[in-house]
Amino acid sequence: MRIAIVLFLVVDLAVLVVVAMQIKRLRQHNADLAAAVAATTAKAARPLATEPVFAEMKERRITIEILNPIELAATQSRFSGIAGAVAPDLLRKVVYDRAAAIMREQFVEQGVKADVKVQVGA
């Protein structure tokens, strides 16, 4: 009977040592993971590197040039061909104003707040 008790105690002690080693290994693994999370969090907290062009707050503009205003006007009205021959600048102005109006309508439909202007370059 005493041999059985001693044998159980030895087995229990061996199991206890194995479990203690596993706990130590798991604690070390947990510490390694915590260090990796801390490093990743510190890296993610840094501001993103931006190109110098975008670092400064500047006004942004989208410029559109209609390359074929007279042909475009001709598709809308049969009299625009005659108007283009007589007053091409006036016809270009009408085309640009109509294009700006269409863009305003489209922006409103999409919920975009935009200031659409027609600017004449020098």
PDB file of N, CA and C in Angstrom:
ATOM      1  N   MET A   1       0.820  -1.187   0.000  1.00  0.00           N
ATOM      2  CA  MET A   1       0.000   0.000   0.000  1.00  0.00           C
ATOM      3  C   MET A   1       0.868   1.256   0.000  1.00  0.00           C
ATOM      4  N   ARG A   2       1.940   1.205   0.818  1.00  0.00           N
ATOM      5  CA  ARG A   2       2.819   2.369   0.872  1.00  0.00           C
ATOM      6  C   ARG A   2       3.483   2.613  -0.479  1.00  0.00           C
ATOM      7  N   ILE A   3       3.788   1.571  -1.198  1.00  0.00           N
ATOM      8  CA  ILE A   3       4.425   1.712  -2.504  1.00  0.00           C
ATOM      9  C   ILE A   3       3.460   2.420  -3.462  1.00  0.00           C
ATOM     10  N   ALA A   4       2.207   2.104  -3.407  1.00  0.00           N
ATOM     11  CA  ALA A   4       1.200   2.717  -4.262  1.00  0.00           C
ATOM     12  C   ALA A   4       1.080   4.211  -3.944  1.00  0.00           C
ATOM     13  N   ILE A   5       1.105   4.571  -2.660  1.00  0.00           N
ATOM     14  CA  ILE A   5       0.999   5.978  -2.268  1.00  0.00           C
ATOM     15  C   ILE A   5       2.237   6.737  -2.736  1.00  0.00           C
ATOM     16  N   VAL A   6       3.406   6.163  -2.560  1.00  0.00           N
ATOM     17  CA  VAL A   6       4.640   6.810  -2.999  1.00  0.00           C
ATOM     18  C   VAL A   6       4.628   6.952  -4.523  1.00  0.00           C
ATOM     19  N   LEU A   7       4.160   5.929  -5.207  1.00  0.00           N
ATOM     20  CA  LEU A   7       4.085   5.980  -6.667  1.00  0.00           C
ATOM     21  C   LEU A   7       3.127   7.088  -7.121  1.00  0.00           C
ATOM     22  N   PHE A   8       1.971   7.216  -6.480  1.00  0.00           N
ATOM     23  CA  PHE A   8       1.025   8.295  -6.808  1.00  0.00           C
ATOM     24  C   PHE A   8       1.633   9.671  -6.525  1.00  0.00           C
ATOM     25  N   LEU A   9       2.360   9.809  -5.434  1.00  0.00           N
ATOM     26  CA  LEU A   9       3.006  11.075  -5.106  1.00  0.00           C
ATOM     27  C   LEU A   9       4.066  11.443  -6.142  1.00  0.00           C
ATOM     28  N   VAL A  10       4.832  10.481  -6.609  1.00  0.00           N
ATOM     29  CA  VAL A  10       5.862  10.727  -7.611  1.00  0.00           C
ATOM     30  C   VAL A  10       5.205  11.144  -8.944  1.00  0.00           C
ATOM     31  N   VAL A  11       4.150  10.433  -9.304  1.00  0.00           N
ATOM     32  CA  VAL A  11       3.440  10.773 -10.543  1.00  0.00           C
ATOM     33  C   VAL A  11       2.826  12.161 -10.419  1.00  0.00           C
ATOM     34  N   ASP A  12       2.191  12.474  -9.303  1.00  0.00           N
ATOM     35  CA  ASP A  12       1.604  13.800  -9.076  1.00  0.00           C
ATOM     36  C   ASP A  12       2.680  14.887  -9.134  1.00  0.00           C
ATOM     37  N   LEU A  13       3.829  14.610  -8.534  1.00  0.00           N
ATOM     38  CA  LEU A  13       4.923  15.579  -8.559  1.00  0.00           C
ATOM     39  C   LEU A  13       5.412  15.797  -9.991  1.00  0.00           C
ATOM     40  N   ALA A  14       5.507  14.724 -10.769  1.00  0.00           N
ATOM     41  CA  ALA A  14       5.938  14.838 -12.168  1.00  0.00           C
ATOM     42  C   ALA A  14       4.918  15.650 -12.972  1.00  0.00           C
ATOM     43  N   VAL A  15       3.646  15.396 -12.750  1.00  0.00           N
ATOM     44  CA  VAL A  15       2.591  16.154 -13.445  1.00  0.00           C
ATOM     45  C   VAL A  15       2.653  17.619 -13.040  1.00  0.00           C
ATOM     46  N   LEU A  16       2.883  17.883 -11.760  1.00  0.00           N
ATOM     47  CA  LEU A  16       2.979  19.252 -11.263  1.00  0.00           C
ATOM     48  C   LEU A  16       4.148  19.986 -11.923  1.00  0.00           C
ATOM     49  N   VAL A  17       5.279  19.328 -12.088  1.00  0.00           N
ATOM     50  CA  VAL A  17       6.446  19.937 -12.734  1.00  0.00           C
ATOM     51  C   VAL A  17       6.144  20.239 -14.199  1.00  0.00           C
ATOM     52  N   VAL A  18       5.506  19.304 -14.887  1.00  0.00           N
ATOM     53  CA  VAL A  18       5.163  19.514 -16.302  1.00  0.00           C
ATOM     54  C   VAL A  18       4.188  20.683 -16.442  1.00  0.00           C
ATOM     55  N   VAL A  19       3.179  20.752 -15.592  1.00  0.00           N
ATOM     56  CA  VAL A  19       2.201  21.839 -15.646  1.00  0.00           C
ATOM     57  C   VAL A  19       2.871  23.176 -15.336  1.00  0.00           C
ATOM     58  N   ALA A  20       3.775  23.206 -14.383  1.00  0.00           N
ATOM     59  CA  ALA A  20       4.483  24.440 -14.042  1.00  0.00           C
ATOM     60  C   ALA A  20       5.338  24.914 -15.221  1.00  0.00           C
ATOM     61  N   MET A  21       5.984  23.971 -15.906  1.00  0.00           N
ATOM     62  CA  MET A  21       6.781  24.335 -17.072  1.00  0.00           C
ATOM     63  C   MET A  21       5.895  24.880 -18.196  1.00  0.00           C
ATOM     64  N   GLN A  22       4.732  24.270 -18.379  1.00  0.00           N
ATOM     65  CA  GLN A  22       3.793  24.751 -19.400  1.00  0.00           C
ATOM     66  C   GLN A  22       3.294  26.161 -19.067  1.00  0.00           C
ATOM     67  N   ILE A  23       3.002  26.406 -17.801  1.00  0.00           N
ATOM     68  CA  ILE A  23       2.542  27.734 -17.371  1.00  0.00           C
ATOM     69  C   ILE A  23       3.639  28.766 -17.621  1.00  0.00           C
ATOM     70  N   LYS A  24       4.883  28.407 -17.307  1.00  0.00           N
ATOM     71  CA  LYS A  24       5.998  29.325 -17.534  1.00  0.00           C
ATOM     72  C   LYS A  24       6.151  29.623 -19.023  1.00  0.00           C
ATOM     73  N   ARG A  25       6.031  28.587 -19.863  1.00  0.00           N
ATOM     74  CA  ARG A  25       6.135  28.767 -21.311  1.00  0.00           C
ATOM     75  C   ARG A  25       4.995  29.643 -21.830  1.00  0.00           C
ATOM     76  N   LEU A  26       3.784  29.432 -21.344  1.00  0.00           N
ATOM     77  CA  LEU A  26       2.643  30.234 -21.766  1.00  0.00           C
ATOM     78  C   LEU A  26       2.778  31.691 -21.323  1.00  0.00           C
ATOM     79  N   ARG A  27       3.301  31.923 -20.123  1.00  0.00           N
ATOM     80  CA  ARG A  27       3.511  33.295 -19.659  1.00  0.00           C
ATOM     81  C   ARG A  27       4.539  34.013 -20.536  1.00  0.00           C
ATOM     82  N   GLN A  28       5.595  33.302 -20.905  1.00  0.00           N
ATOM     83  CA  GLN A  28       6.609  33.898 -21.777  1.00  0.00           C
ATOM     84  C   GLN A  28       6.012  34.211 -23.152  1.00  0.00           C
ATOM     85  N   HIS A  29       5.217  33.279 -23.676  1.00  0.00           N
ATOM     86  CA  HIS A  29       4.559  33.494 -24.970  1.00  0.00           C
ATOM     87  C   HIS A  29       3.598  34.682 -24.888  1.00  0.00           C
ATOM     88  N   ASN A  30       2.872  34.797 -23.783  1.00  0.00           N
ATOM     89  CA  ASN A  30       1.955  35.913 -23.565  1.00  0.00           C
ATOM     90  C   ASN A  30       2.726  37.235 -23.524  1.00  0.00           C
ATOM     91  N   ALA A  31       3.873  37.252 -22.862  1.00  0.00           N
ATOM     92  CA  ALA A  31       4.698  38.464 -22.787  1.00  0.00           C
ATOM     93  C   ALA A  31       5.220  38.841 -24.177  1.00  0.00           C
ATOM     94  N   ASP A  32       5.626  37.848 -24.973  1.00  0.00           N
ATOM     95  CA  ASP A  32       6.091  38.112 -26.334  1.00  0.00           C
ATOM     96  C   ASP A  32       4.972  38.706 -27.191  1.00  0.00           C
ATOM     97  N   LEU A  33       3.769  38.141 -27.064  1.00  0.00           N
ATOM     98  CA  LEU A  33       2.631  38.663 -27.814  1.00  0.00           C
ATOM     99  C   LEU A  33       2.276  40.086 -27.377  1.00  0.00           C
ATOM    100  N   ALA A  34       2.334  40.354 -26.078  1.00  0.00           N
ATOM    101  CA  ALA A  34       2.048  41.702 -25.577  1.00  0.00           C
ATOM    102  C   ALA A  34       3.057  42.700 -26.120  1.00  0.00           C
ATOM    103  N   ALA A  35       4.325  42.303 -26.201  1.00  0.00           N
ATOM    104  CA  ALA A  35       5.348  43.191 -26.767  1.00  0.00           C
ATOM    105  C   ALA A  35       5.089  43.444 -28.244  1.00  0.00           C
ATOM    106  N   ALA A  36       4.679  42.409 -28.974  1.00  0.00           N
ATOM    107  CA  ALA A  36       4.374  42.576 -30.401  1.00  0.00           C
ATOM    108  C   ALA A  36       3.174  43.493 -30.597  1.00  0.00           C
ATOM    109  N   VAL A  37       2.156  43.348 -29.762  1.00  0.00           N
ATOM    110  CA  VAL A  37       0.976  44.222 -29.845  1.00  0.00           C
ATOM    111  C   VAL A  37       1.367  45.669 -29.531  1.00  0.00           C
ATOM    112  N   ALA A  38       2.191  45.858 -28.529  1.00  0.00           N
ATOM    113  CA  ALA A  38       2.627  47.215 -28.170  1.00  0.00           C
ATOM    114  C   ALA A  38       3.412  47.851 -29.313  1.00  0.00           C
ATOM    115  N   ALA A  39       4.290  47.082 -29.938  1.00  0.00           N
ATOM    116  CA  ALA A  39       5.067  47.614 -31.063  1.00  0.00           C
ATOM    117  C   ALA A  39       4.165  47.959 -32.240  1.00  0.00           C
ATOM    118  N   THR A  40       3.211  47.099 -32.519  1.00  0.00           N
ATOM    119  CA  THR A  40       2.283  47.348 -33.624  1.00  0.00           C
ATOM    120  C   THR A  40       1.408  48.557 -33.339  1.00  0.00           C
ATOM    121  N   THR A  41       0.946  48.679 -32.102  1.00  0.00           N
ATOM    122  CA  THR A  41       0.114  49.818 -31.728  1.00  0.00           C
ATOM    123  C   THR A  41       0.899  51.114 -31.828  1.00  0.00           C
ATOM    124  N   ALA A  42       2.142  51.100 -31.396  1.00  0.00           N
ATOM    125  CA  ALA A  42       2.970  52.303 -31.491  1.00  0.00           C
ATOM    126  C   ALA A  42       3.218  52.673 -32.946  1.00  0.00           C
ATOM    127  N   LYS A  43       3.407  51.667 -33.779  1.00  0.00           N
ATOM    128  CA  LYS A  43       3.640  51.918 -35.201  1.00  0.00           C
ATOM    129  C   LYS A  43       2.379  52.465 -35.862  1.00  0.00           C
ATOM    130  N   ALA A  44       1.229  51.941 -35.489  1.00  0.00           N
ATOM    131  CA  ALA A  44      -0.035  52.391 -36.073  1.00  0.00           C
ATOM    132  C   ALA A  44      -0.425  53.775 -35.586  1.00  0.00           C
ATOM    133  N   ALA A  45       0.045  54.174 -34.420  1.00  0.00           N
ATOM    134  CA  ALA A  45      -0.317  55.476 -33.870  1.00  0.00           C
ATOM    135  C   ALA A  45       0.442  56.616 -34.536  1.00  0.00           C
ATOM    136  N   ARG A  46       1.550  56.302 -35.191  1.00  0.00           N
ATOM    137  CA  ARG A  46       2.312  57.344 -35.867  1.00  0.00           C
ATOM    138  C   ARG A  46       1.507  57.886 -37.041  1.00  0.00           C
ATOM    139  N   PRO A  47       1.603  59.182 -37.312  1.00  0.00           N
ATOM    140  CA  PRO A  47       0.875  59.727 -38.460  1.00  0.00           C
ATOM    141  C   PRO A  47       1.427  59.163 -39.762  1.00  0.00           C
ATOM    142  N   LEU A  48       0.562  59.005 -40.708  1.00  0.00           N
ATOM    143  CA  LEU A  48       0.978  58.475 -41.997  1.00  0.00           C
ATOM    144  C   LEU A  48       1.855  59.487 -42.714  1.00  0.00           C
ATOM    145  N   ALA A  49       2.841  58.982 -43.379  1.00  0.00           N
ATOM    146  CA  ALA A  49       3.720  59.866 -44.154  1.00  0.00           C
ATOM    147  C   ALA A  49       2.943  60.324 -45.382  1.00  0.00           C
ATOM    148  N   THR A  50       2.862  61.617 -45.555  1.00  0.00           N
ATOM    149  CA  THR A  50       2.165  62.154 -46.711  1.00  0.00           C
ATOM    150  C   THR A  50       3.162  62.855 -47.613  1.00  0.00           C
ATOM    151  N   GLU A  51       2.803  62.918 -48.848  1.00  0.00           N
ATOM    152  CA  GLU A  51       3.676  63.614 -49.784  1.00  0.00           C
ATOM    153  C   GLU A  51       3.642  65.095 -49.458  1.00  0.00           C
ATOM    154  N   PRO A  52       4.744  65.783 -49.679  1.00  0.00           N
ATOM    155  CA  PRO A  52       4.795  67.217 -49.354  1.00  0.00           C
ATOM    156  C   PRO A  52       3.704  68.027 -50.040  1.00  0.00           C
ATOM    157  N   VAL A  53       3.275  67.584 -51.215  1.00  0.00           N
ATOM    158  CA  VAL A  53       2.234  68.317 -51.940  1.00  0.00           C
ATOM    159  C   VAL A  53       0.936  68.335 -51.141  1.00  0.00           C
ATOM    160  N   PHE A  54       0.638  67.228 -50.438  1.00  0.00           N
ATOM    161  CA  PHE A  54      -0.612  67.132 -49.700  1.00  0.00           C
ATOM    162  C   PHE A  54      -0.470  67.530 -48.241  1.00  0.00           C
ATOM    163  N   ALA A  55       0.749  67.765 -47.784  1.00  0.00           N
ATOM    164  CA  ALA A  55       0.944  68.104 -46.375  1.00  0.00           C
ATOM    165  C   ALA A  55       0.364  69.475 -46.050  1.00  0.00           C
ATOM    166  N   GLU A  56       0.475  70.405 -46.970  1.00  0.00           N
ATOM    167  CA  GLU A  56      -0.054  71.736 -46.744  1.00  0.00           C
ATOM    168  C   GLU A  56      -1.527  71.763 -47.136  1.00  0.00           C
ATOM    169  N   MET A  57      -2.292  72.552 -46.414  1.00  0.00           N
ATOM    170  CA  MET A  57      -3.703  72.695 -46.743  1.00  0.00           C
ATOM    171  C   MET A  57      -3.837  73.770 -47.817  1.00  0.00           C
ATOM    172  N   LYS A  58      -4.159  73.353 -49.002  1.00  0.00           N
ATOM    173  CA  LYS A  58      -4.330  74.260 -50.119  1.00  0.00           C
ATOM    174  C   LYS A  58      -5.702  74.026 -50.722  1.00  0.00           C
ATOM    175  N   GLU A  59      -6.147  75.016 -51.459  1.00  0.00           N
ATOM    176  CA  GLU A  59      -7.393  74.829 -52.173  1.00  0.00           C
ATOM    177  C   GLU A  59      -7.165  73.835 -53.303  1.00  0.00           C
ATOM    178  N   ARG A  60      -8.135  72.989 -53.524  1.00  0.00           N
ATOM    179  CA  ARG A  60      -8.050  72.016 -54.600  1.00  0.00           C
ATOM    180  C   ARG A  60      -9.027  72.429 -55.690  1.00  0.00           C
ATOM    181  N   ARG A  61      -8.629  72.259 -56.906  1.00  0.00           N
ATOM    182  CA  ARG A  61      -9.480  72.619 -58.034  1.00  0.00           C
ATOM    183  C   ARG A  61      -9.440  71.503 -59.065  1.00  0.00           C
ATOM    184  N   ILE A  62     -10.559  71.329 -59.719  1.00  0.00           N
ATOM    185  CA  ILE A  62     -10.642  70.447 -60.871  1.00  0.00           C
ATOM    186  C   ILE A  62     -10.946  71.345 -62.056  1.00  0.00           C
ATOM    187  N   THR A  63     -10.123  71.297 -63.053  1.00  0.00           N
ATOM    188  CA  THR A  63     -10.300  72.140 -64.229  1.00  0.00           C
ATOM    189  C   THR A  63     -10.759  71.274 -65.390  1.00  0.00           C
ATOM    190  N   ILE A  64     -11.777  71.748 -66.080  1.00  0.00           N
ATOM    191  CA  ILE A  64     -12.301  71.019 -67.232  1.00  0.00           C
ATOM    192  C   ILE A  64     -12.283  71.955 -68.424  1.00  0.00           C
ATOM    193  N   GLU A  65     -11.721  71.484 -69.523  1.00  0.00           N
ATOM    194  CA  GLU A  65     -11.743  72.253 -70.769  1.00  0.00           C
ATOM    195  C   GLU A  65     -12.499  71.440 -71.795  1.00  0.00           C
ATOM    196  N   ILE A  66     -13.505  72.037 -72.368  1.00  0.00           N
ATOM    197  CA  ILE A  66     -14.280  71.368 -73.419  1.00  0.00           C
ATOM    198  C   ILE A  66     -13.536  71.600 -74.719  1.00  0.00           C
ATOM    199  N   LEU A  67     -13.066  70.524 -75.320  1.00  0.00           N
ATOM    200  CA  LEU A  67     -12.201  70.632 -76.502  1.00  0.00           C
ATOM    201  C   LEU A  67     -12.977  70.797 -77.811  1.00  0.00           C
ATOM    202  N   ASN A  68     -14.253  70.423 -77.812  1.00  0.00           N
ATOM    203  CA  ASN A  68     -15.039  70.531 -79.047  1.00  0.00           C
ATOM    204  C   ASN A  68     -16.370  71.248 -78.802  1.00  0.00           C
ATOM    205  N   PRO A  69     -16.347  72.493 -78.343  1.00  0.00           N
ATOM    206  CA  PRO A  69     -17.601  73.159 -77.999  1.00  0.00           C
ATOM    207  C   PRO A  69     -18.530  73.377 -79.189  1.00  0.00           C
ATOM    208  N   ILE A  70     -17.969  73.668 -80.348  1.00  0.00           N
ATOM    209  CA  ILE A  70     -18.822  73.952 -81.505  1.00  0.00           C
ATOM    210  C   ILE A  70     -19.491  72.671 -82.002  1.00  0.00           C
ATOM    211  N   GLU A  71     -18.736  71.570 -82.034  1.00  0.00           N
ATOM    212  CA  GLU A  71     -19.333  70.289 -82.436  1.00  0.00           C
ATOM    213  C   GLU A  71     -20.375  69.835 -81.409  1.00  0.00           C
ATOM    214  N   LEU A  72     -20.085  70.084 -80.143  1.00  0.00           N
ATOM    215  CA  LEU A  72     -21.031  69.723 -79.088  1.00  0.00           C
ATOM    216  C   LEU A  72     -22.315  70.532 -79.230  1.00  0.00           C
ATOM    217  N   ALA A  73     -22.185  71.814 -79.507  1.00  0.00           N
ATOM    218  CA  ALA A  73     -23.364  72.659 -79.691  1.00  0.00           C
ATOM    219  C   ALA A  73     -24.152  72.209 -80.917  1.00  0.00           C
ATOM    220  N   ALA A  74     -23.451  71.754 -81.945  1.00  0.00           N
ATOM    221  CA  ALA A  74     -24.124  71.308 -83.166  1.00  0.00           C
ATOM    222  C   ALA A  74     -24.996  70.092 -82.908  1.00  0.00           C
ATOM    223  N   THR A  75     -24.625  69.265 -81.929  1.00  0.00           N
ATOM    224  CA  THR A  75     -25.461  68.100 -81.610  1.00  0.00           C
ATOM    225  C   THR A  75     -26.717  68.501 -80.853  1.00  0.00           C
ATOM    226  N   GLN A  76     -26.727  69.687 -80.266  1.00  0.00           N
ATOM    227  CA  GLN A  76     -27.862  70.144 -79.477  1.00  0.00           C
ATOM    228  C   GLN A  76     -28.857  70.976 -80.286  1.00  0.00           C
ATOM    229  N   SER A  77     -28.351  71.688 -81.289  1.00  0.00           N
ATOM    230  CA  SER A  77     -29.224  72.581 -82.054  1.00  0.00           C
ATOM    231  C   SER A  77     -28.724  72.660 -83.488  1.00  0.00           C
ATOM    232  N   ARG A  78     -29.655  72.706 -84.417  1.00  0.00           N
ATOM    233  CA  ARG A  78     -29.251  72.780 -85.828  1.00  0.00           C
ATOM    234  C   ARG A  78     -28.779  74.182 -86.206  1.00  0.00           C
ATOM    235  N   PHE A  79     -29.124  75.164 -85.384  1.00  0.00           N
ATOM    236  CA  PHE A  79     -28.718  76.548 -85.679  1.00  0.00           C
ATOM    237  C   PHE A  79     -27.332  76.873 -85.113  1.00  0.00           C
ATOM    238  N   SER A  80     -26.791  75.993 -84.323  1.00  0.00           N
ATOM    239  CA  SER A  80     -25.499  76.289 -83.711  1.00  0.00           C
ATOM    240  C   SER A  80     -24.362  76.316 -84.720  1.00  0.00           C
ATOM    241  N   GLY A  81     -24.496  75.590 -85.809  1.00  0.00           N
ATOM    242  CA  GLY A  81     -23.465  75.636 -86.855  1.00  0.00           C
ATOM    243  C   GLY A  81     -23.362  77.030 -87.438  1.00  0.00           C
ATOM    244  N   ILE A  82     -24.508  77.645 -87.656  1.00  0.00           N
ATOM    245  CA  ILE A  82     -24.526  79.013 -88.179  1.00  0.00           C
ATOM    246  C   ILE A  82     -24.002  79.975 -87.120  1.00  0.00           C
ATOM    247  N   ALA A  83     -24.439  79.781 -85.858  1.00  0.00           N
ATOM    248  CA  ALA A  83     -23.991  80.647 -84.769  1.00  0.00           C
ATOM    249  C   ALA A  83     -22.493  80.493 -84.552  1.00  0.00           C
ATOM    250  N   GLY A  84     -21.985  79.294 -84.720  1.00  0.00           N
ATOM    251  CA  GLY A  84     -20.553  79.059 -84.550  1.00  0.00           C
ATOM    252  C   GLY A  84     -19.733  79.778 -85.605  1.00  0.00           C
ATOM    253  N   ALA A  85     -20.290  79.907 -86.788  1.00  0.00           N
ATOM    254  CA  ALA A  85     -19.581  80.607 -87.855  1.00  0.00           C
ATOM    255  C   ALA A  85     -19.620  82.114 -87.642  1.00  0.00           C
ATOM    256  N   VAL A  86     -20.733  82.619 -87.094  1.00  0.00           N
ATOM    257  CA  VAL A  86     -20.895  84.056 -86.917  1.00  0.00           C
ATOM    258  C   VAL A  86     -20.280  84.537 -85.600  1.00  0.00           C
ATOM    259  N   ALA A  87     -20.556  83.811 -84.496  1.00  0.00           N
ATOM    260  CA  ALA A  87     -20.097  84.251 -83.170  1.00  0.00           C
ATOM    261  C   ALA A  87     -19.573  83.058 -82.380  1.00  0.00           C
ATOM    262  N   PRO A  88     -18.369  82.574 -82.720  1.00  0.00           N
ATOM    263  CA  PRO A  88     -17.857  81.380 -82.041  1.00  0.00           C
ATOM    264  C   PRO A  88     -17.609  81.603 -80.546  1.00  0.00           C
ATOM    265  N   ASP A  89     -17.197  82.805 -80.151  1.00  0.00           N
ATOM    266  CA  ASP A  89     -16.961  83.054 -78.722  1.00  0.00           C
ATOM    267  C   ASP A  89     -18.256  83.001 -77.933  1.00  0.00           C
ATOM    268  N   LEU A  90     -19.321  83.559 -78.501  1.00  0.00           N
ATOM    269  CA  LEU A  90     -20.620  83.517 -77.833  1.00  0.00           C
ATOM    270  C   LEU A  90     -21.104  82.073 -77.707  1.00  0.00           C
ATOM    271  N   LEU A  91     -20.893  81.286 -78.758  1.00  0.00           N
ATOM    272  CA  LEU A  91     -21.306  79.887 -78.725  1.00  0.00           C
ATOM    273  C   LEU A  91     -20.515  79.112 -77.665  1.00  0.00           C
ATOM    274  N   ARG A  92     -19.216  79.375 -77.563  1.00  0.00           N
ATOM    275  CA  ARG A  92     -18.401  78.718 -76.520  1.00  0.00           C
ATOM    276  C   ARG A  92     -18.916  79.080 -75.130  1.00  0.00           C
ATOM    277  N   LYS A  93     -19.275  80.360 -74.949  1.00  0.00           N
ATOM    278  CA  LYS A  93     -19.799  80.803 -73.656  1.00  0.00           C
ATOM    279  C   LYS A  93     -21.084  80.049 -73.313  1.00  0.00           C
ATOM    280  N   VAL A  94     -21.962  79.899 -74.280  1.00  0.00           N
ATOM    281  CA  VAL A  94     -23.222  79.187 -74.051  1.00  0.00           C
ATOM    282  C   VAL A  94     -22.947  77.721 -73.700  1.00  0.00           C
ATOM    283  N   VAL A  95     -22.023  77.096 -74.411  1.00  0.00           N
ATOM    284  CA  VAL A  95     -21.693  75.690 -74.148  1.00  0.00           C
ATOM    285  C   VAL A  95     -21.127  75.527 -72.737  1.00  0.00           C
ATOM    286  N   TYR A  96     -20.198  76.383 -72.356  1.00  0.00           N
ATOM    287  CA  TYR A  96     -19.603  76.294 -71.020  1.00  0.00           C
ATOM    288  C   TYR A  96     -20.636  76.570 -69.928  1.00  0.00           C
ATOM    289  N   ASP A  97     -21.495  77.566 -70.140  1.00  0.00           N
ATOM    290  CA  ASP A  97     -22.533  77.852 -69.142  1.00  0.00           C
ATOM    291  C   ASP A  97     -23.486  76.671 -68.996  1.00  0.00           C
ATOM    292  N   ARG A  98     -23.854  76.043 -70.102  1.00  0.00           N
ATOM    293  CA  ARG A  98     -24.744  74.875 -70.037  1.00  0.00           C
ATOM    294  C   ARG A  98     -24.041  73.698 -69.347  1.00  0.00           C
ATOM    295  N   ALA A  99     -22.766  73.495 -69.645  1.00  0.00           N
ATOM    296  CA  ALA A  99     -22.011  72.415 -68.998  1.00  0.00           C
ATOM    297  C   ALA A  99     -21.926  72.648 -67.489  1.00  0.00           C
ATOM    298  N   ALA A 100     -21.704  73.903 -67.085  1.00  0.00           N
ATOM    299  CA  ALA A 100     -21.642  74.220 -65.654  1.00  0.00           C
ATOM    300  C   ALA A 100     -22.991  73.964 -64.991  1.00  0.00           C
ATOM    301  N   ALA A 101     -24.071  74.324 -65.672  1.00  0.00           N
ATOM    302  CA  ALA A 101     -25.410  74.082 -65.117  1.00  0.00           C
ATOM    303  C   ALA A 101     -25.674  72.586 -64.953  1.00  0.00           C
ATOM    304  N   ILE A 102     -25.267  71.797 -65.937  1.00  0.00           N
ATOM    305  CA  ILE A 102     -25.444  70.331 -65.846  1.00  0.00           C
ATOM    306  C   ILE A 102     -24.637  69.785 -64.677  1.00  0.00           C
ATOM    307  N   MET A 103     -23.405  70.262 -64.503  1.00  0.00           N
ATOM    308  CA  MET A 103     -22.569  69.790 -63.389  1.00  0.00           C
ATOM    309  C   MET A 103     -23.194  70.159 -62.047  1.00  0.00           C
ATOM    310  N   ARG A 104     -23.722  71.382 -61.935  1.00  0.00           N
ATOM    311  CA  ARG A 104     -24.386  71.783 -60.683  1.00  0.00           C
ATOM    312  C   ARG A 104     -25.535  70.833 -60.361  1.00  0.00           C
ATOM    313  N   GLU A 105     -26.365  70.544 -61.371  1.00  0.00           N
ATOM    314  CA  GLU A 105     -27.505  69.642 -61.163  1.00  0.00           C
ATOM    315  C   GLU A 105     -27.036  68.263 -60.714  1.00  0.00           C
ATOM    316  N   GLN A 106     -26.007  67.742 -61.371  1.00  0.00           N
ATOM    317  CA  GLN A 106     -25.488  66.413 -61.028  1.00  0.00           C
ATOM    318  C   GLN A 106     -24.909  66.395 -59.612  1.00  0.00           C
ATOM    319  N   PHE A 107     -24.196  67.455 -59.239  1.00  0.00           N
ATOM    320  CA  PHE A 107     -23.625  67.516 -57.898  1.00  0.00           C
ATOM    321  C   PHE A 107     -24.724  67.552 -56.848  1.00  0.00           C
ATOM    322  N   VAL A 108     -25.769  68.319 -57.080  1.00  0.00           N
ATOM    323  CA  VAL A 108     -26.884  68.390 -56.125  1.00  0.00           C
ATOM    324  C   VAL A 108     -27.523  67.014 -55.978  1.00  0.00           C
ATOM    325  N   GLU A 109     -27.728  66.317 -57.091  1.00  0.00           N
ATOM    326  CA  GLU A 109     -28.314  64.971 -57.036  1.00  0.00           C
ATOM    327  C   GLU A 109     -27.449  64.004 -56.238  1.00  0.00           C
ATOM    328  N   GLN A 110     -26.131  64.172 -56.306  1.00  0.00           N
ATOM    329  CA  GLN A 110     -25.206  63.292 -55.601  1.00  0.00           C
ATOM    330  C   GLN A 110     -24.926  63.749 -54.175  1.00  0.00           C
ATOM    331  N   GLY A 111     -25.453  64.900 -53.782  1.00  0.00           N
ATOM    332  CA  GLY A 111     -25.218  65.404 -52.430  1.00  0.00           C
ATOM    333  C   GLY A 111     -23.871  66.078 -52.263  1.00  0.00           C
ATOM    334  N   VAL A 112     -23.255  66.489 -53.367  1.00  0.00           N
ATOM    335  CA  VAL A 112     -21.947  67.137 -53.323  1.00  0.00           C
ATOM    336  C   VAL A 112     -22.157  68.643 -53.218  1.00  0.00           C
ATOM    337  N   LYS A 113     -21.510  69.235 -52.231  1.00  0.00           N
ATOM    338  CA  LYS A 113     -21.532  70.693 -52.122  1.00  0.00           C
ATOM    339  C   LYS A 113     -20.320  71.221 -52.878  1.00  0.00           C
ATOM    340  N   ALA A 114     -20.568  71.865 -54.002  1.00  0.00           N
ATOM    341  CA  ALA A 114     -19.470  72.335 -54.841  1.00  0.00           C
ATOM    342  C   ALA A 114     -19.819  73.710 -55.401  1.00  0.00           C
ATOM    343  N   ASP A 115     -18.800  74.484 -55.625  1.00  0.00           N
ATOM    344  CA  ASP A 115     -18.954  75.795 -56.237  1.00  0.00           C
ATOM    345  C   ASP A 115     -18.482  75.664 -57.680  1.00  0.00           C
ATOM    346  N   VAL A 116     -19.438  75.612 -58.611  1.00  0.00           N
ATOM    347  CA  VAL A 116     -19.116  75.423 -60.019  1.00  0.00           C
ATOM    348  C   VAL A 116     -19.142  76.790 -60.679  1.00  0.00           C
ATOM    349  N   LYS A 117     -17.988  77.188 -61.205  1.00  0.00           N
ATOM    350  CA  LYS A 117     -17.860  78.489 -61.872  1.00  0.00           C
ATOM    351  C   LYS A 117     -17.253  78.289 -63.241  1.00  0.00           C
ATOM    352  N   VAL A 118     -17.552  79.201 -64.120  1.00  0.00           N
ATOM    353  CA  VAL A 118     -16.898  79.237 -65.413  1.00  0.00           C
ATOM    354  C   VAL A 118     -15.902  80.395 -65.363  1.00  0.00           C
ATOM    355  N   GLN A 119     -14.633  80.089 -65.499  1.00  0.00           N
ATOM    356  CA  GLN A 119     -13.592  81.111 -65.468  1.00  0.00           C
ATOM    357  C   GLN A 119     -12.978  81.227 -66.848  1.00  0.00           C
ATOM    358  N   VAL A 120     -12.796  82.436 -67.265  1.00  0.00           N
ATOM    359  CA  VAL A 120     -12.204  82.684 -68.575  1.00  0.00           C
ATOM    360  C   VAL A 120     -10.748  83.066 -68.363  1.00  0.00           C
ATOM    361  N   GLY A 121      -9.848  82.301 -68.958  1.00  0.00           N
ATOM    362  CA  GLY A 121      -8.417  82.573 -68.806  1.00  0.00           C
ATOM    363  C   GLY A 121      -7.984  83.724 -69.692  1.00  0.00           C
ATOM    364  N   ALA A 122      -6.849  84.266 -69.320  1.00  0.00           N
ATOM    365  CA  ALA A 122      -6.324  85.404 -70.105  1.00  0.00           C
ATOM    366  C   ALA A 122      -5.538  84.930 -71.287  1.00  0.00           C
TER     367      ALA A 122
END
